[in-house]
């Protein structure tokens, strides 16, 4: 991992924030465990509105010609992470609305981009937008809310806001982050070797056991 002014280079990706990098580690571990088939970073683009042109009339020597003037460029949006799930993740990591569940619906962290009564394997995709735990009145957060609603209204595509700090607390912390987020020496914040996280840390196996998942 290489960091340049908050830009993080990791493998073939260049992330714009540490939270995106952390979420990538989360997905990598799920992929290694067989829950995620594949994922990418800013590899999908949606057109929200096309470019806008308007006409005007131009007088030539012998005729009047209609010309076109460019007014506004198209508006596009790229979700941070497209995630393709394996069937193994059903009602453990993504919600299948057509299969009865015994847990609370909020125990299942991810939602599919297209919910349908005919959910097939080809539709097992989540589009995730990464945001911090405390957003306040960030311009990017306000913009995302508008984009999220427009995509749903126009295309029936759901983009899920993911806040990694909350996700880790509710599910599991990637092994690489558990190993790197410990105090190296005694301090007023914690003892040497203790976790820097201020919540009970679970790894993936502990989380699966907590959820009662049968690793078939």
C-alpha atoms as a PDB file:
ATOM      1  CA  UNK A   1       0.000   0.000   0.000  1.00  0.00           C
ATOM      2  CA  UNK A   2       1.333   3.450  -0.984  1.00  0.00           C
ATOM      3  CA  UNK A   3      -0.283   6.695   0.234  1.00  0.00           C
ATOM      4  CA  UNK A   4       0.033  10.047  -1.563  1.00  0.00           C
ATOM      5  CA  UNK A   5      -1.970  12.959  -0.094  1.00  0.00           C
ATOM      6  CA  UNK A   6      -4.887  10.707   0.910  1.00  0.00           C
ATOM      7  CA  UNK A   7      -4.718   8.873  -2.425  1.00  0.00           C
ATOM      8  CA  UNK A   8      -4.040   5.211  -1.672  1.00  0.00           C
ATOM      9  CA  UNK A   9      -2.462   2.904  -4.216  1.00  0.00           C
ATOM     10  CA  UNK A  10      -3.097  -0.768  -3.538  1.00  0.00           C
ATOM     11  CA  UNK A  11      -2.499  -3.503  -6.098  1.00  0.00           C
ATOM     12  CA  UNK A  12      -4.133  -2.265  -9.339  1.00  0.00           C
ATOM     13  CA  UNK A  13      -6.428   0.238  -7.612  1.00  0.00           C
ATOM     14  CA  UNK A  14      -6.043   3.886  -6.684  1.00  0.00           C
ATOM     15  CA  UNK A  15      -8.468   4.790  -3.910  1.00  0.00           C
ATOM     16  CA  UNK A  16      -9.519   8.310  -3.011  1.00  0.00           C
ATOM     17  CA  UNK A  17      -9.855   7.577   0.701  1.00  0.00           C
ATOM     18  CA  UNK A  18      -8.667   5.253   3.439  1.00  0.00           C
ATOM     19  CA  UNK A  19     -12.263   4.074   3.916  1.00  0.00           C
ATOM     20  CA  UNK A  20     -12.376   2.820   0.326  1.00  0.00           C
ATOM     21  CA  UNK A  21      -9.129   0.928   0.909  1.00  0.00           C
ATOM     22  CA  UNK A  22     -10.485  -0.608   4.115  1.00  0.00           C
ATOM     23  CA  UNK A  23     -13.679  -1.708   2.370  1.00  0.00           C
ATOM     24  CA  UNK A  24     -11.584  -3.270  -0.392  1.00  0.00           C
ATOM     25  CA  UNK A  25      -9.849  -5.423   2.252  1.00  0.00           C
ATOM     26  CA  UNK A  26     -13.289  -6.448   3.529  1.00  0.00           C
ATOM     27  CA  UNK A  27     -14.375  -7.542   0.043  1.00  0.00           C
ATOM     28  CA  UNK A  28     -11.069  -9.304  -0.589  1.00  0.00           C
ATOM     29  CA  UNK A  29     -11.568 -11.447   2.491  1.00  0.00           C
ATOM     30  CA  UNK A  30     -15.146 -12.273   1.480  1.00  0.00           C
ATOM     31  CA  UNK A  31     -13.886 -13.219  -1.975  1.00  0.00           C
ATOM     32  CA  UNK A  32     -11.220 -15.495  -0.501  1.00  0.00           C
ATOM     33  CA  UNK A  33     -13.935 -17.158   1.609  1.00  0.00           C
ATOM     34  CA  UNK A  34     -16.151 -17.711  -1.429  1.00  0.00           C
ATOM     35  CA  UNK A  35     -18.931 -15.245  -0.596  1.00  0.00           C
ATOM     36  CA  UNK A  36     -17.984 -12.722  -3.297  1.00  0.00           C
ATOM     37  CA  UNK A  37     -17.388 -13.848  -6.868  1.00  0.00           C
ATOM     38  CA  UNK A  38     -15.784 -10.617  -8.007  1.00  0.00           C
ATOM     39  CA  UNK A  39     -15.718  -6.911  -7.312  1.00  0.00           C
ATOM     40  CA  UNK A  40     -14.274  -3.809  -8.888  1.00  0.00           C
ATOM     41  CA  UNK A  41     -13.665  -0.151  -8.209  1.00  0.00           C
ATOM     42  CA  UNK A  42     -15.426   2.518 -10.275  1.00  0.00           C
ATOM     43  CA  UNK A  43     -15.836   0.104 -13.189  1.00  0.00           C
ATOM     44  CA  UNK A  44     -19.548   0.796 -13.827  1.00  0.00           C
ATOM     45  CA  UNK A  45     -20.925   4.074 -15.158  1.00  0.00           C
ATOM     46  CA  UNK A  46     -24.557   5.190 -15.301  1.00  0.00           C
ATOM     47  CA  UNK A  47     -25.869   7.996 -17.467  1.00  0.00           C
ATOM     48  CA  UNK A  48     -28.160  10.171 -15.381  1.00  0.00           C
ATOM     49  CA  UNK A  49     -28.958  12.642 -18.146  1.00  0.00           C
ATOM     50  CA  UNK A  50     -27.713  13.132 -21.711  1.00  0.00           C
ATOM     51  CA  UNK A  51     -25.860  16.130 -23.086  1.00  0.00           C
ATOM     52  CA  UNK A  52     -28.116  19.089 -23.867  1.00  0.00           C
ATOM     53  CA  UNK A  53     -28.133  20.946 -27.173  1.00  0.00           C
ATOM     54  CA  UNK A  54     -30.394  23.660 -28.487  1.00  0.00           C
ATOM     55  CA  UNK A  55     -30.886  25.085 -31.941  1.00  0.00           C
ATOM     56  CA  UNK A  56     -30.597  28.567 -33.364  1.00  0.00           C
ATOM     57  CA  UNK A  57     -31.090  30.044 -36.811  1.00  0.00           C
ATOM     58  CA  UNK A  58     -28.187  31.329 -38.842  1.00  0.00           C
ATOM     59  CA  UNK A  59     -28.666  33.579 -41.831  1.00  0.00           C
ATOM     60  CA  UNK A  60     -26.613  32.499 -44.836  1.00  0.00           C
ATOM     61  CA  UNK A  61     -26.390  34.295 -48.193  1.00  0.00           C
ATOM     62  CA  UNK A  62     -29.321  32.559 -49.797  1.00  0.00           C
ATOM     63  CA  UNK A  63     -31.043  30.671 -46.973  1.00  0.00           C
ATOM     64  CA  UNK A  64     -31.533  30.301 -43.274  1.00  0.00           C
ATOM     65  CA  UNK A  65     -29.825  27.334 -41.688  1.00  0.00           C
ATOM     66  CA  UNK A  66     -30.640  25.676 -38.401  1.00  0.00           C
ATOM     67  CA  UNK A  67     -27.517  25.216 -36.269  1.00  0.00           C
ATOM     68  CA  UNK A  68     -26.997  23.382 -33.010  1.00  0.00           C
ATOM     69  CA  UNK A  69     -25.397  24.807 -29.895  1.00  0.00           C
ATOM     70  CA  UNK A  70     -24.000  22.757 -27.027  1.00  0.00           C
ATOM     71  CA  UNK A  71     -25.388  23.868 -23.642  1.00  0.00           C
ATOM     72  CA  UNK A  72     -24.657  21.202 -21.048  1.00  0.00           C
ATOM     73  CA  UNK A  73     -22.633  18.021 -20.940  1.00  0.00           C
ATOM     74  CA  UNK A  74     -24.097  14.680 -19.904  1.00  0.00           C
ATOM     75  CA  UNK A  75     -24.332  13.802 -16.238  1.00  0.00           C
ATOM     76  CA  UNK A  76     -22.880  10.423 -15.239  1.00  0.00           C
ATOM     77  CA  UNK A  77     -22.286   8.561 -12.001  1.00  0.00           C
ATOM     78  CA  UNK A  78     -19.925   5.756 -10.998  1.00  0.00           C
ATOM     79  CA  UNK A  79     -20.647   3.810  -7.792  1.00  0.00           C
ATOM     80  CA  UNK A  80     -17.500   3.069  -5.817  1.00  0.00           C
ATOM     81  CA  UNK A  81     -17.767  -0.715  -5.746  1.00  0.00           C
ATOM     82  CA  UNK A  82     -19.802  -3.115  -7.879  1.00  0.00           C
ATOM     83  CA  UNK A  83     -19.958  -6.429  -5.994  1.00  0.00           C
ATOM     84  CA  UNK A  84     -21.045  -9.722  -7.521  1.00  0.00           C
ATOM     85  CA  UNK A  85     -22.133 -12.207  -4.855  1.00  0.00           C
ATOM     86  CA  UNK A  86     -22.035 -15.977  -4.898  1.00  0.00           C
ATOM     87  CA  UNK A  87     -25.121 -17.973  -3.957  1.00  0.00           C
ATOM     88  CA  UNK A  88     -23.285 -18.880  -0.745  1.00  0.00           C
ATOM     89  CA  UNK A  89     -23.779 -15.319   0.544  1.00  0.00           C
ATOM     90  CA  UNK A  90     -27.592 -15.474   0.319  1.00  0.00           C
ATOM     91  CA  UNK A  91     -29.230 -14.109   3.496  1.00  0.00           C
ATOM     92  CA  UNK A  92     -25.834 -14.045   5.183  1.00  0.00           C
ATOM     93  CA  UNK A  93     -24.381 -11.018   3.407  1.00  0.00           C
ATOM     94  CA  UNK A  94     -27.049 -10.084   0.847  1.00  0.00           C
ATOM     95  CA  UNK A  95     -30.812 -10.172   1.341  1.00  0.00           C
ATOM     96  CA  UNK A  96     -32.901 -12.441  -0.871  1.00  0.00           C
ATOM     97  CA  UNK A  97     -36.405 -11.082  -0.409  1.00  0.00           C
ATOM     98  CA  UNK A  98     -38.001 -14.260  -1.761  1.00  0.00           C
ATOM     99  CA  UNK A  99     -36.513 -16.619   0.843  1.00  0.00           C
ATOM    100  CA  UNK A 100     -37.880 -16.564   4.429  1.00  0.00           C
ATOM    101  CA  UNK A 101     -35.362 -15.419   7.037  1.00  0.00           C
ATOM    102  CA  UNK A 102     -35.211 -16.221  10.743  1.00  0.00           C
ATOM    103  CA  UNK A 103     -32.955 -13.316  11.746  1.00  0.00           C
ATOM    104  CA  UNK A 104     -33.697  -9.602  11.839  1.00  0.00           C
ATOM    105  CA  UNK A 105     -33.559  -8.080   8.362  1.00  0.00           C
ATOM    106  CA  UNK A 106     -31.008  -5.562   9.630  1.00  0.00           C
ATOM    107  CA  UNK A 107     -28.636  -8.452  10.463  1.00  0.00           C
ATOM    108  CA  UNK A 108     -28.091  -8.918   6.711  1.00  0.00           C
ATOM    109  CA  UNK A 109     -25.788  -6.053   5.687  1.00  0.00           C
ATOM    110  CA  UNK A 110     -26.115  -5.740   1.898  1.00  0.00           C
ATOM    111  CA  UNK A 111     -28.957  -5.167  -0.575  1.00  0.00           C
ATOM    112  CA  UNK A 112     -29.035  -6.135  -4.227  1.00  0.00           C
ATOM    113  CA  UNK A 113     -29.052  -3.395  -6.848  1.00  0.00           C
ATOM    114  CA  UNK A 114     -32.154  -4.879  -8.483  1.00  0.00           C
ATOM    115  CA  UNK A 115     -34.743  -6.578  -6.286  1.00  0.00           C
ATOM    116  CA  UNK A 116     -37.043  -8.822  -8.274  1.00  0.00           C
ATOM    117  CA  UNK A 117     -39.390 -11.732  -7.758  1.00  0.00           C
ATOM    118  CA  UNK A 118     -37.187 -13.443 -10.336  1.00  0.00           C
ATOM    119  CA  UNK A 119     -33.777 -12.859  -8.783  1.00  0.00           C
ATOM    120  CA  UNK A 120     -31.314 -14.940 -10.763  1.00  0.00           C
ATOM    121  CA  UNK A 121     -27.602 -15.424 -10.278  1.00  0.00           C
ATOM    122  CA  UNK A 122     -26.911 -12.812 -12.961  1.00  0.00           C
ATOM    123  CA  UNK A 123     -28.613 -10.200 -10.775  1.00  0.00           C
ATOM    124  CA  UNK A 124     -26.703 -10.891  -7.566  1.00  0.00           C
ATOM    125  CA  UNK A 125     -24.967  -7.533  -7.629  1.00  0.00           C
ATOM    126  CA  UNK A 126     -24.642  -4.758  -5.080  1.00  0.00           C
ATOM    127  CA  UNK A 127     -23.500  -1.249  -5.965  1.00  0.00           C
ATOM    128  CA  UNK A 128     -21.811   0.313  -2.927  1.00  0.00           C
ATOM    129  CA  UNK A 129     -21.049   3.981  -2.294  1.00  0.00           C
ATOM    130  CA  UNK A 130     -18.544   4.528   0.537  1.00  0.00           C
ATOM    131  CA  UNK A 131     -19.236   7.277   3.061  1.00  0.00           C
ATOM    132  CA  UNK A 132     -17.772   8.173   6.478  1.00  0.00           C
ATOM    133  CA  UNK A 133     -19.566   7.481   9.739  1.00  0.00           C
ATOM    134  CA  UNK A 134     -20.039  11.183  10.430  1.00  0.00           C
ATOM    135  CA  UNK A 135     -21.085  12.830   7.181  1.00  0.00           C
ATOM    136  CA  UNK A 136     -22.399  16.126   8.533  1.00  0.00           C
ATOM    137  CA  UNK A 137     -23.382  18.314   5.603  1.00  0.00           C
ATOM    138  CA  UNK A 138     -20.789  17.117   3.149  1.00  0.00           C
ATOM    139  CA  UNK A 139     -21.581  18.245  -0.372  1.00  0.00           C
ATOM    140  CA  UNK A 140     -20.761  14.780  -1.719  1.00  0.00           C
ATOM    141  CA  UNK A 141     -23.279  13.177   0.655  1.00  0.00           C
ATOM    142  CA  UNK A 142     -26.060  15.531  -0.414  1.00  0.00           C
ATOM    143  CA  UNK A 143     -25.247  14.900  -4.072  1.00  0.00           C
ATOM    144  CA  UNK A 144     -25.272  11.147  -3.502  1.00  0.00           C
ATOM    145  CA  UNK A 145     -28.747  11.257  -1.946  1.00  0.00           C
ATOM    146  CA  UNK A 146     -30.084  12.955  -5.073  1.00  0.00           C
ATOM    147  CA  UNK A 147     -28.269  10.545  -7.413  1.00  0.00           C
ATOM    148  CA  UNK A 148     -29.432   7.534  -5.382  1.00  0.00           C
ATOM    149  CA  UNK A 149     -33.079   8.576  -5.693  1.00  0.00           C
ATOM    150  CA  UNK A 150     -32.764   9.441  -9.377  1.00  0.00           C
ATOM    151  CA  UNK A 151     -31.241   6.063 -10.250  1.00  0.00           C
ATOM    152  CA  UNK A 152     -34.014   4.280  -8.401  1.00  0.00           C
ATOM    153  CA  UNK A 153     -36.758   6.381  -9.941  1.00  0.00           C
ATOM    154  CA  UNK A 154     -35.411   6.279 -13.513  1.00  0.00           C
ATOM    155  CA  UNK A 155     -33.788   2.840 -13.724  1.00  0.00           C
ATOM    156  CA  UNK A 156     -34.951   0.930 -10.630  1.00  0.00           C
ATOM    157  CA  UNK A 157     -31.305   0.522  -9.633  1.00  0.00           C
ATOM    158  CA  UNK A 158     -30.441   0.763  -5.954  1.00  0.00           C
ATOM    159  CA  UNK A 159     -27.028   2.029  -4.865  1.00  0.00           C
ATOM    160  CA  UNK A 160     -26.340   1.284  -1.208  1.00  0.00           C
ATOM    161  CA  UNK A 161     -24.520   3.696   1.065  1.00  0.00           C
ATOM    162  CA  UNK A 162     -21.883   1.819   3.069  1.00  0.00           C
ATOM    163  CA  UNK A 163     -20.159   3.291   6.132  1.00  0.00           C
ATOM    164  CA  UNK A 164     -17.233   0.927   6.784  1.00  0.00           C
ATOM    165  CA  UNK A 165     -16.805   1.885  10.453  1.00  0.00           C
ATOM    166  CA  UNK A 166     -20.401   0.838  11.173  1.00  0.00           C
ATOM    167  CA  UNK A 167     -20.228  -2.179   8.873  1.00  0.00           C
ATOM    168  CA  UNK A 168     -17.139  -3.531  10.658  1.00  0.00           C
ATOM    169  CA  UNK A 169     -18.783  -3.075  14.047  1.00  0.00           C
ATOM    170  CA  UNK A 170     -21.949  -4.887  12.946  1.00  0.00           C
ATOM    171  CA  UNK A 171     -20.232  -7.701  11.015  1.00  0.00           C
ATOM    172  CA  UNK A 172     -16.482  -8.333  11.112  1.00  0.00           C
ATOM    173  CA  UNK A 173     -13.169  -6.514  10.756  1.00  0.00           C
ATOM    174  CA  UNK A 174     -10.842  -7.688   7.959  1.00  0.00           C
ATOM    175  CA  UNK A 175      -7.852  -9.652   9.248  1.00  0.00           C
ATOM    176  CA  UNK A 176      -5.367  -7.167   7.793  1.00  0.00           C
ATOM    177  CA  UNK A 177      -6.990  -4.313   9.714  1.00  0.00           C
ATOM    178  CA  UNK A 178      -7.172  -6.294  12.949  1.00  0.00           C
ATOM    179  CA  UNK A 179      -3.423  -6.916  12.693  1.00  0.00           C
ATOM    180  CA  UNK A 180      -2.508  -3.310  11.831  1.00  0.00           C
ATOM    181  CA  UNK A 181      -4.810  -1.481  14.274  1.00  0.00           C
ATOM    182  CA  UNK A 182      -3.117  -2.324  17.571  1.00  0.00           C
ATOM    183  CA  UNK A 183      -1.140  -0.127  19.943  1.00  0.00           C
ATOM    184  CA  UNK A 184       2.590  -0.622  19.509  1.00  0.00           C
ATOM    185  CA  UNK A 185       3.348   0.639  23.012  1.00  0.00           C
ATOM    186  CA  UNK A 186       1.613   1.492  26.250  1.00  0.00           C
ATOM    187  CA  UNK A 187      -0.320   4.773  26.146  1.00  0.00           C
ATOM    188  CA  UNK A 188      -3.259   6.526  27.786  1.00  0.00           C
ATOM    189  CA  UNK A 189      -5.425   5.259  24.934  1.00  0.00           C
ATOM    190  CA  UNK A 190      -4.644   1.560  25.348  1.00  0.00           C
ATOM    191  CA  UNK A 191      -2.204  -1.097  26.407  1.00  0.00           C
ATOM    192  CA  UNK A 192       0.517  -2.456  24.150  1.00  0.00           C
ATOM    193  CA  UNK A 193      -0.934  -5.010  21.738  1.00  0.00           C
ATOM    194  CA  UNK A 194      -4.582  -4.027  22.396  1.00  0.00           C
ATOM    195  CA  UNK A 195      -6.964  -3.088  19.596  1.00  0.00           C
ATOM    196  CA  UNK A 196      -7.492   0.535  18.591  1.00  0.00           C
ATOM    197  CA  UNK A 197     -11.102  -0.207  17.738  1.00  0.00           C
ATOM    198  CA  UNK A 198     -13.576   1.027  20.336  1.00  0.00           C
ATOM    199  CA  UNK A 199     -15.972  -1.878  19.879  1.00  0.00           C
ATOM    200  CA  UNK A 200     -15.857  -5.650  20.211  1.00  0.00           C
ATOM    201  CA  UNK A 201     -13.832  -6.893  17.235  1.00  0.00           C
ATOM    202  CA  UNK A 202     -14.950 -10.026  15.432  1.00  0.00           C
ATOM    203  CA  UNK A 203     -13.087 -11.725  12.634  1.00  0.00           C
ATOM    204  CA  UNK A 204     -14.959 -13.387   9.757  1.00  0.00           C
ATOM    205  CA  UNK A 205     -15.173 -16.817  11.365  1.00  0.00           C
ATOM    206  CA  UNK A 206     -16.484 -15.368  14.616  1.00  0.00           C
ATOM    207  CA  UNK A 207     -19.098 -13.415  12.695  1.00  0.00           C
ATOM    208  CA  UNK A 208     -20.256 -16.485  10.764  1.00  0.00           C
ATOM    209  CA  UNK A 209     -20.538 -18.417  14.027  1.00  0.00           C
ATOM    210  CA  UNK A 210     -22.470 -15.512  15.575  1.00  0.00           C
ATOM    211  CA  UNK A 211     -24.873 -15.593  12.619  1.00  0.00           C
ATOM    212  CA  UNK A 212     -25.275 -19.356  12.916  1.00  0.00           C
ATOM    213  CA  UNK A 213     -23.903 -19.905   9.436  1.00  0.00           C
ATOM    214  CA  UNK A 214     -23.317 -23.513   8.482  1.00  0.00           C
ATOM    215  CA  UNK A 215     -20.147 -23.538   6.393  1.00  0.00           C
ATOM    216  CA  UNK A 216     -21.188 -26.225   3.937  1.00  0.00           C
END
